[in-house]
């Protein structure tokens, strides 16, 4: 029996762009939620915060 490594899935550039834009939009929405719900005036007035979506290994997928 021959053991072959699993082939990488082929992702179309169109699907990749759609997923990328969706993740960017989610990160932006998270930033708006943080701003609206913050109790600290530093967060609200100075906008001193950031949001990001990360994978299970800690790699950043999208950042607002």
N, C-alpha and C. Protein backbone atom coordinates (compact mmCIF):
# COMPACT_ATOMS: atom_id res chain seq x y z
N UNK A 1 0.84 -1.17 0.00
CA UNK A 1 0.00 0.00 0.00
C UNK A 1 0.89 1.24 0.00
N UNK A 2 0.60 2.15 -0.90
CA UNK A 2 1.40 3.37 -1.04
C UNK A 2 0.72 4.50 -0.27
N UNK A 3 1.52 5.16 0.56
CA UNK A 3 0.99 6.29 1.33
C UNK A 3 1.34 7.58 0.61
N UNK A 4 0.32 8.31 0.16
CA UNK A 4 0.53 9.57 -0.53
C UNK A 4 0.07 10.72 0.36
N UNK A 5 0.81 11.81 0.35
CA UNK A 5 0.37 12.97 1.13
C UNK A 5 -0.93 13.53 0.56
N UNK A 6 -1.74 14.07 1.43
CA UNK A 6 -3.01 14.64 1.01
C UNK A 6 -2.77 15.86 0.12
N UNK A 7 -3.52 15.94 -0.95
CA UNK A 7 -3.39 17.07 -1.87
C UNK A 7 -4.04 18.29 -1.24
N UNK A 8 -3.45 19.43 -1.49
CA UNK A 8 -4.02 20.68 -0.98
C UNK A 8 -5.27 21.01 -1.78
N UNK A 9 -6.31 21.47 -1.10
CA UNK A 9 -7.52 21.83 -1.82
C UNK A 9 -7.29 23.06 -2.69
N UNK A 10 -7.92 23.06 -3.84
CA UNK A 10 -7.81 24.20 -4.75
C UNK A 10 -8.95 25.17 -4.44
N UNK A 11 -8.59 26.42 -4.16
CA UNK A 11 -9.56 27.45 -3.84
C UNK A 11 -9.55 28.48 -4.96
N UNK A 12 -10.72 28.79 -5.47
CA UNK A 12 -10.79 29.75 -6.56
C UNK A 12 -10.47 31.15 -6.03
N UNK A 13 -9.86 31.98 -6.85
CA UNK A 13 -9.55 33.35 -6.42
C UNK A 13 -10.80 34.14 -6.04
N UNK A 14 -11.91 33.86 -6.70
CA UNK A 14 -13.16 34.55 -6.39
C UNK A 14 -13.64 34.20 -4.99
N UNK A 15 -13.64 32.91 -4.65
CA UNK A 15 -14.06 32.48 -3.32
C UNK A 15 -13.11 33.02 -2.25
N UNK A 16 -11.83 33.03 -2.53
CA UNK A 16 -10.85 33.56 -1.59
C UNK A 16 -11.11 35.04 -1.29
N UNK A 17 -11.42 35.81 -2.32
CA UNK A 17 -11.69 37.24 -2.13
C UNK A 17 -12.98 37.46 -1.35
N UNK A 18 -13.99 36.64 -1.60
CA UNK A 18 -15.25 36.76 -0.87
C UNK A 18 -15.05 36.47 0.61
N UNK A 19 -14.31 35.41 0.93
CA UNK A 19 -14.06 35.06 2.32
C UNK A 19 -13.20 36.12 3.00
N UNK A 20 -12.20 36.63 2.30
CA UNK A 20 -11.34 37.68 2.86
C UNK A 20 -12.15 38.92 3.19
N UNK A 21 -13.01 39.35 2.27
CA UNK A 21 -13.84 40.53 2.53
C UNK A 21 -14.83 40.29 3.66
N UNK A 22 -15.36 39.08 3.76
CA UNK A 22 -16.28 38.76 4.85
C UNK A 22 -15.56 38.84 6.20
N UNK A 23 -14.35 38.30 6.28
CA UNK A 23 -13.59 38.36 7.53
C UNK A 23 -13.23 39.80 7.89
N UNK A 24 -12.87 40.61 6.90
CA UNK A 24 -12.56 42.02 7.16
C UNK A 24 -13.79 42.76 7.68
N UNK A 25 -14.96 42.46 7.12
CA UNK A 25 -16.19 43.09 7.57
C UNK A 25 -16.53 42.69 8.99
N UNK A 26 -16.34 41.43 9.32
CA UNK A 26 -16.60 40.96 10.69
C UNK A 26 -15.67 41.66 11.67
N UNK A 27 -14.40 41.80 11.33
CA UNK A 27 -13.45 42.49 12.21
C UNK A 27 -13.85 43.95 12.40
N UNK A 28 -14.32 44.61 11.34
CA UNK A 28 -14.79 45.99 11.46
C UNK A 28 -16.02 46.09 12.36
N UNK A 29 -16.94 45.15 12.22
CA UNK A 29 -18.13 45.13 13.07
C UNK A 29 -17.75 44.91 14.54
N UNK A 30 -16.76 44.06 14.78
CA UNK A 30 -16.29 43.85 16.15
C UNK A 30 -15.73 45.15 16.73
N UNK A 31 -15.01 45.91 15.92
CA UNK A 31 -14.46 47.18 16.40
C UNK A 31 -15.59 48.16 16.76
N UNK A 32 -16.64 48.19 15.96
CA UNK A 32 -17.77 49.06 16.28
C UNK A 32 -18.46 48.64 17.58
N UNK A 33 -18.57 47.35 17.80
CA UNK A 33 -19.19 46.84 19.03
C UNK A 33 -18.35 47.22 20.24
N UNK A 34 -17.02 47.10 20.12
CA UNK A 34 -16.14 47.49 21.23
C UNK A 34 -16.31 48.97 21.53
N UNK A 35 -16.37 49.80 20.50
CA UNK A 35 -16.50 51.24 20.70
C UNK A 35 -17.84 51.58 21.36
N UNK A 36 -18.91 50.94 20.93
CA UNK A 36 -20.24 51.24 21.47
C UNK A 36 -20.42 50.78 22.90
N UNK A 37 -19.76 49.69 23.28
CA UNK A 37 -19.99 49.10 24.60
C UNK A 37 -18.89 49.43 25.62
N UNK A 38 -17.89 50.20 25.22
CA UNK A 38 -16.77 50.48 26.11
C UNK A 38 -17.19 51.41 27.25
N UNK A 39 -16.75 51.08 28.44
CA UNK A 39 -16.98 51.94 29.60
C UNK A 39 -15.87 52.97 29.74
N UNK A 40 -14.73 52.70 29.18
CA UNK A 40 -13.58 53.58 29.31
C UNK A 40 -13.65 54.71 28.29
N UNK A 41 -13.41 55.92 28.75
CA UNK A 41 -13.41 57.06 27.83
C UNK A 41 -12.20 57.02 26.90
N UNK A 42 -11.14 56.37 27.32
CA UNK A 42 -9.96 56.25 26.46
C UNK A 42 -10.30 55.45 25.21
N UNK A 43 -11.06 54.39 25.40
CA UNK A 43 -11.46 53.57 24.26
C UNK A 43 -12.42 54.34 23.36
N UNK A 44 -13.42 54.97 23.96
CA UNK A 44 -14.44 55.67 23.17
C UNK A 44 -13.89 56.92 22.48
N UNK A 45 -13.20 57.77 23.22
CA UNK A 45 -12.78 59.06 22.67
C UNK A 45 -11.50 58.97 21.85
N UNK A 46 -10.51 58.27 22.35
CA UNK A 46 -9.23 58.18 21.65
C UNK A 46 -9.18 57.03 20.66
N UNK A 47 -10.20 56.17 20.70
CA UNK A 47 -10.25 54.98 19.84
C UNK A 47 -8.94 54.17 19.96
N UNK A 48 -8.51 53.97 21.21
CA UNK A 48 -7.26 53.28 21.50
C UNK A 48 -7.53 51.78 21.70
N UNK A 49 -7.83 51.10 20.61
CA UNK A 49 -8.09 49.67 20.67
C UNK A 49 -7.95 49.08 19.26
N UNK A 50 -7.95 47.78 19.19
CA UNK A 50 -7.89 47.09 17.91
C UNK A 50 -8.62 45.77 18.05
N UNK A 51 -9.15 45.28 16.95
CA UNK A 51 -9.79 43.97 16.95
C UNK A 51 -9.18 43.14 15.83
N UNK A 52 -9.19 41.83 16.03
CA UNK A 52 -8.64 40.92 15.02
C UNK A 52 -9.34 39.58 15.11
N UNK A 53 -9.34 38.86 14.01
CA UNK A 53 -9.82 37.49 13.96
C UNK A 53 -8.60 36.61 13.72
N UNK A 54 -8.42 35.62 14.59
CA UNK A 54 -7.26 34.74 14.50
C UNK A 54 -7.70 33.29 14.34
N UNK A 55 -6.81 32.48 13.76
CA UNK A 55 -7.11 31.05 13.65
C UNK A 55 -6.67 30.34 14.93
N UNK A 56 -6.81 29.03 14.95
CA UNK A 56 -6.50 28.26 16.17
C UNK A 56 -5.01 28.27 16.52
N UNK A 57 -4.15 28.68 15.57
CA UNK A 57 -2.71 28.76 15.84
C UNK A 57 -2.26 30.16 16.19
N UNK A 58 -3.20 31.11 16.23
CA UNK A 58 -2.87 32.48 16.58
C UNK A 58 -2.48 33.35 15.40
N UNK A 59 -2.60 32.84 14.19
CA UNK A 59 -2.30 33.63 13.00
C UNK A 59 -3.46 34.59 12.73
N UNK A 60 -3.14 35.84 12.43
CA UNK A 60 -4.16 36.83 12.17
C UNK A 60 -4.76 36.61 10.79
N UNK A 61 -6.10 36.50 10.75
CA UNK A 61 -6.81 36.35 9.48
C UNK A 61 -7.36 37.68 8.99
N UNK A 62 -7.81 38.52 9.91
CA UNK A 62 -8.33 39.85 9.55
C UNK A 62 -8.16 40.76 10.74
N UNK A 63 -7.94 42.03 10.46
CA UNK A 63 -7.76 43.01 11.54
C UNK A 63 -8.45 44.30 11.16
N UNK A 64 -9.13 44.90 12.14
CA UNK A 64 -9.81 46.18 11.89
C UNK A 64 -8.92 47.33 12.24
